[in-house]
Amino acid sequence: MNFLKVVLVAIVLFVNLIVAPPSWAGKDFTKGTDYAEVTQAINQLLQVQSNPEQAGYTPEQYQQTLSQLQQQKYVMETAEKRAQCHNETNGTLAVYANKPKKSPTQLYYLAAGTETDDDWDCDGYYLPAGTQAVLGSNGEAQSLTEPLAVKFVDGTQSIIRTNPTTGAVEFNVAPAKVFKAGEINWMIPKLSQVDINAQTPSPQLID
């Protein structure tokens, strides 16, 4: 009887490994919409490689844009975890996150010094009007006159920090896209940083 129980348990474990991939298996982000969009954008840029001016780029802008897209593609091809947001500022952040197949992308609040759990997919950050932020690769800070949503591609381990000298928020990688209200189906409310700091951080993000 004990032998039969052992055999049954072994069969159940074997079936589970076949039907449901193990939790430690790497994620495949090359099948998502982000990968398709980035690949298409790269292909379009390569078509005007000999004459980038016809697409509205200077040679420097063209190379910079192509390099950023190629880096995003590389991230999605090599990432093994879902996108995570890391808050290395001194305040609470509003982040856009979803739990795959369970909840849509919406605003949550991430406490200073914490990061989102890799069970969640952290798509990006909300930046309120008045924020000093470096959004491009030129390293120049700009003062936001309206709230923005910044998006990163699947698998990105994005880190946001406050520059101790300038006070501007900076990212470890340039955002894939930046949206104003009405340009994406994400909620982009009119919140101040004071409003965000007053929010209770979302505990489910770091469970």
Foldseek 3Di string as FASTA:
>chain_A
DVVVVVVVVVVVVVVCCVPPPDPQFFDQQCPDPLNVVLVVVLVVLVVCLVPCVVVPDDNVRSVQVNVQSVVLNVLNHPFRFWEKEAAQEQFKWWWFKDQPPPGHTATFIDGHGAMFDRSMHTFWTKDAQQAFEDQDPVPHTDGHRGIKTFGGGTRHHKYWYQDPPPRHIYIPGHTPDMDGPPPDPYDHDHDDSVRSRPDDGDVNRRD
